Amino acid sequence: MYQRYRALFSLKGLGTPEAVDLIIQALEKENESELFKHELAYCLGQLQDERAISTLKGLVSDSSEFVMVRHEAAESL
């Protein structure tokens, strides 16, 4: 798990369009842990890329999503 967090924050540090795409892809996986999805949403918000808006809005409106993830997605918007 440590490697995944390290990779995520490395992608955030890069801040490239490709990094944003990879973070969005990871967020769309259903089998991610609540905490990791929270961090993915946080990183997307920090990158302030307009392409992330629809993904973050989708998380906020998805009532089956973890509450912590929905909250972070809302904060990230």
N, C-alpha and C. Protein backbone atom coordinates (compact mmCIF):
# COMPACT_ATOMS: atom_id res chain seq x y z
N MET A 1 0.82 -1.19 0.00
CA MET A 1 0.00 0.00 0.00
C MET A 1 0.87 1.26 0.00
N TYR A 2 2.00 1.21 0.70
CA TYR A 2 2.90 2.35 0.76
C TYR A 2 3.32 2.79 -0.64
N GLN A 3 3.60 1.82 -1.51
CA GLN A 3 4.03 2.14 -2.87
C GLN A 3 2.93 2.88 -3.64
N ARG A 4 1.70 2.51 -3.40
CA ARG A 4 0.59 3.16 -4.10
C ARG A 4 0.45 4.62 -3.67
N TYR A 5 0.60 4.88 -2.38
CA TYR A 5 0.54 6.27 -1.91
C TYR A 5 1.72 7.07 -2.45
N ARG A 6 2.86 6.46 -2.45
CA ARG A 6 4.06 7.13 -2.98
C ARG A 6 3.87 7.46 -4.45
N ALA A 7 3.34 6.50 -5.22
CA ALA A 7 3.08 6.74 -6.64
C ALA A 7 2.05 7.86 -6.82
N LEU A 8 1.00 7.84 -6.02
CA LEU A 8 -0.04 8.87 -6.12
C LEU A 8 0.54 10.25 -5.89
N PHE A 9 1.31 10.41 -4.83
CA PHE A 9 1.85 11.74 -4.54
C PHE A 9 2.95 12.13 -5.51
N SER A 10 3.60 11.16 -6.13
CA SER A 10 4.54 11.47 -7.21
C SER A 10 3.79 12.00 -8.43
N LEU A 11 2.65 11.37 -8.74
CA LEU A 11 1.82 11.86 -9.84
C LEU A 11 1.33 13.28 -9.55
N LYS A 12 0.90 13.50 -8.33
CA LYS A 12 0.45 14.85 -7.93
C LYS A 12 1.58 15.85 -8.13
N GLY A 13 2.79 15.45 -7.76
CA GLY A 13 3.94 16.33 -7.92
C GLY A 13 4.25 16.65 -9.37
N LEU A 14 4.02 15.69 -10.24
CA LEU A 14 4.24 15.93 -11.67
C LEU A 14 3.24 16.94 -12.21
N GLY A 15 1.98 16.75 -11.85
CA GLY A 15 0.94 17.68 -12.26
C GLY A 15 0.66 17.74 -13.76
N THR A 16 1.05 16.72 -14.48
CA THR A 16 0.85 16.70 -15.93
C THR A 16 -0.57 16.23 -16.26
N PRO A 17 -1.02 16.50 -17.49
CA PRO A 17 -2.32 15.97 -17.90
C PRO A 17 -2.40 14.44 -17.80
N GLU A 18 -1.29 13.78 -18.09
CA GLU A 18 -1.26 12.32 -17.98
C GLU A 18 -1.43 11.87 -16.54
N ALA A 19 -0.82 12.61 -15.61
CA ALA A 19 -0.95 12.29 -14.19
C ALA A 19 -2.41 12.44 -13.75
N VAL A 20 -3.05 13.50 -14.20
CA VAL A 20 -4.47 13.72 -13.87
C VAL A 20 -5.30 12.56 -14.40
N ASP A 21 -5.04 12.15 -15.63
CA ASP A 21 -5.79 11.03 -16.22
C ASP A 21 -5.62 9.75 -15.40
N LEU A 22 -4.40 9.47 -14.96
CA LEU A 22 -4.15 8.26 -14.17
C LEU A 22 -4.87 8.31 -12.82
N ILE A 23 -4.88 9.47 -12.19
CA ILE A 23 -5.58 9.61 -10.91
C ILE A 23 -7.08 9.43 -11.11
N ILE A 24 -7.62 10.00 -12.17
CA ILE A 24 -9.05 9.83 -12.46
C ILE A 24 -9.37 8.36 -12.70
N GLN A 25 -8.53 7.67 -13.46
CA GLN A 25 -8.75 6.24 -13.72
C GLN A 25 -8.75 5.45 -12.42
N ALA A 26 -7.84 5.76 -11.51
CA ALA A 26 -7.79 5.05 -10.23
C ALA A 26 -9.05 5.33 -9.41
N LEU A 27 -9.55 6.55 -9.46
CA LEU A 27 -10.76 6.89 -8.71
C LEU A 27 -11.98 6.16 -9.23
N GLU A 28 -11.98 5.84 -10.50
CA GLU A 28 -13.14 5.17 -11.10
C GLU A 28 -13.18 3.67 -10.83
N LYS A 29 -12.12 3.13 -10.24
CA LYS A 29 -12.12 1.71 -9.88
C LYS A 29 -12.99 1.50 -8.66
N GLU A 30 -13.79 0.47 -8.70
CA GLU A 30 -14.72 0.21 -7.60
C GLU A 30 -14.07 -0.48 -6.41
N ASN A 31 -12.95 -1.14 -6.62
CA ASN A 31 -12.37 -1.95 -5.55
C ASN A 31 -11.29 -1.23 -4.75
N GLU A 32 -11.19 0.09 -4.88
CA GLU A 32 -10.21 0.84 -4.10
C GLU A 32 -10.71 1.04 -2.67
N SER A 33 -9.77 1.15 -1.74
CA SER A 33 -10.15 1.37 -0.35
C SER A 33 -10.69 2.79 -0.15
N GLU A 34 -11.45 2.95 0.90
CA GLU A 34 -12.04 4.25 1.23
C GLU A 34 -10.96 5.30 1.43
N LEU A 35 -9.93 4.95 2.17
CA LEU A 35 -8.87 5.91 2.47
C LEU A 35 -8.09 6.29 1.21
N PHE A 36 -7.80 5.31 0.35
CA PHE A 36 -7.05 5.60 -0.87
C PHE A 36 -7.88 6.47 -1.81
N LYS A 37 -9.17 6.19 -1.92
CA LYS A 37 -10.03 7.02 -2.77
C LYS A 37 -10.12 8.45 -2.22
N HIS A 38 -10.12 8.58 -0.91
CA HIS A 38 -10.10 9.91 -0.29
C HIS A 38 -8.85 10.66 -0.74
N GLU A 39 -7.70 9.99 -0.68
CA GLU A 39 -6.45 10.63 -1.08
C GLU A 39 -6.42 10.95 -2.57
N LEU A 40 -7.00 10.08 -3.39
CA LEU A 40 -7.09 10.34 -4.82
C LEU A 40 -7.90 11.61 -5.08
N ALA A 41 -9.03 11.74 -4.40
CA ALA A 41 -9.87 12.93 -4.56
C ALA A 41 -9.13 14.18 -4.08
N TYR A 42 -8.41 14.04 -2.99
CA TYR A 42 -7.62 15.17 -2.47
C TYR A 42 -6.60 15.63 -3.50
N CYS A 43 -5.87 14.68 -4.07
CA CYS A 43 -4.84 15.03 -5.06
C CYS A 43 -5.45 15.67 -6.30
N LEU A 44 -6.58 15.18 -6.73
CA LEU A 44 -7.24 15.80 -7.88
C LEU A 44 -7.59 17.26 -7.58
N GLY A 45 -8.08 17.50 -6.40
CA GLY A 45 -8.40 18.87 -6.02
C GLY A 45 -7.18 19.77 -5.98
N GLN A 46 -6.08 19.24 -5.49
CA GLN A 46 -4.85 20.01 -5.42
C GLN A 46 -4.31 20.36 -6.80
N LEU A 47 -4.55 19.50 -7.77
CA LEU A 47 -4.05 19.73 -9.13
C LEU A 47 -4.85 20.80 -9.87
N GLN A 48 -6.07 21.05 -9.44
CA GLN A 48 -6.92 22.10 -10.01
C GLN A 48 -7.02 22.01 -11.54
N ASP A 49 -7.25 20.81 -12.02
CA ASP A 49 -7.41 20.57 -13.45
C ASP A 49 -8.90 20.49 -13.77
N GLU A 50 -9.34 21.25 -14.74
CA GLU A 50 -10.76 21.29 -15.08
C GLU A 50 -11.32 19.93 -15.49
N ARG A 51 -10.47 19.05 -16.01
CA ARG A 51 -10.95 17.74 -16.44
C ARG A 51 -11.39 16.89 -15.27
N ALA A 52 -10.97 17.24 -14.07
CA ALA A 52 -11.34 16.46 -12.88
C ALA A 52 -12.73 16.82 -12.35
N ILE A 53 -13.28 17.93 -12.79
CA ILE A 53 -14.54 18.42 -12.23
C ILE A 53 -15.67 17.40 -12.37
N SER A 54 -15.84 16.83 -13.55
CA SER A 54 -16.95 15.89 -13.73
C SER A 54 -16.78 14.64 -12.87
N THR A 55 -15.54 14.17 -12.72
CA THR A 55 -15.29 13.01 -11.87
C THR A 55 -15.61 13.34 -10.42
N LEU A 56 -15.16 14.48 -9.94
CA LEU A 56 -15.41 14.88 -8.56
C LEU A 56 -16.90 15.10 -8.31
N LYS A 57 -17.59 15.73 -9.25
CA LYS A 57 -19.04 15.92 -9.10
C LYS A 57 -19.76 14.58 -9.06
N GLY A 58 -19.29 13.64 -9.86
CA GLY A 58 -19.89 12.31 -9.86
C GLY A 58 -19.73 11.62 -8.52
N LEU A 59 -18.57 11.79 -7.89
CA LEU A 59 -18.35 11.20 -6.57
C LEU A 59 -19.28 11.82 -5.53
N VAL A 60 -19.42 13.14 -5.58
CA VAL A 60 -20.28 13.84 -4.62
C VAL A 60 -21.72 13.37 -4.73
N SER A 61 -22.19 13.16 -5.93
CA SER A 61 -23.60 12.81 -6.12
C SER A 61 -23.89 11.31 -6.01
N ASP A 62 -22.86 10.49 -5.87
CA ASP A 62 -23.04 9.04 -5.79
C ASP A 62 -23.30 8.62 -4.35
N SER A 63 -24.55 8.37 -4.02
CA SER A 63 -24.92 8.03 -2.64
C SER A 63 -24.37 6.68 -2.18
N SER A 64 -23.89 5.86 -3.11
CA SER A 64 -23.30 4.58 -2.72
C SER A 64 -21.81 4.71 -2.43
N GLU A 65 -21.25 5.88 -2.68
CA GLU A 65 -19.82 6.11 -2.45
C GLU A 65 -19.58 6.32 -0.96
N PHE A 66 -18.38 6.03 -0.51
CA PHE A 66 -18.01 6.26 0.89
C PHE A 66 -18.21 7.73 1.25
N VAL A 67 -18.74 7.99 2.43
CA VAL A 67 -19.00 9.36 2.88
C VAL A 67 -17.71 10.18 2.90
N MET A 68 -16.64 9.58 3.38
CA MET A 68 -15.37 10.29 3.46
C MET A 68 -14.88 10.70 2.06
N VAL A 69 -15.11 9.85 1.08
CA VAL A 69 -14.70 10.14 -0.30
C VAL A 69 -15.58 11.25 -0.87
N ARG A 70 -16.87 11.17 -0.62
CA ARG A 70 -17.79 12.20 -1.11
C ARG A 70 -17.44 13.56 -0.50
N HIS A 71 -17.12 13.57 0.77
CA HIS A 71 -16.75 14.81 1.44
C HIS A 71 -15.49 15.41 0.82
N GLU A 72 -14.48 14.59 0.61
CA GLU A 72 -13.22 15.10 0.04
C GLU A 72 -13.42 15.57 -1.39
N ALA A 73 -14.26 14.87 -2.14
CA ALA A 73 -14.55 15.31 -3.51
C ALA A 73 -15.22 16.68 -3.49
N ALA A 74 -16.14 16.89 -2.55
CA ALA A 74 -16.80 18.19 -2.43
C ALA A 74 -15.80 19.28 -2.05
N GLU A 75 -14.91 18.97 -1.12
CA GLU A 75 -13.87 19.92 -0.73
C GLU A 75 -12.96 20.25 -1.90
N SER A 76 -12.69 19.26 -2.73
CA SER A 76 -11.78 19.42 -3.85
C SER A 76 -12.36 20.30 -4.95
N LEU A 77 -13.68 20.36 -5.01
CA LEU A 77 -14.31 21.21 -6.02
C LEU A 77 -14.17 22.67 -5.64
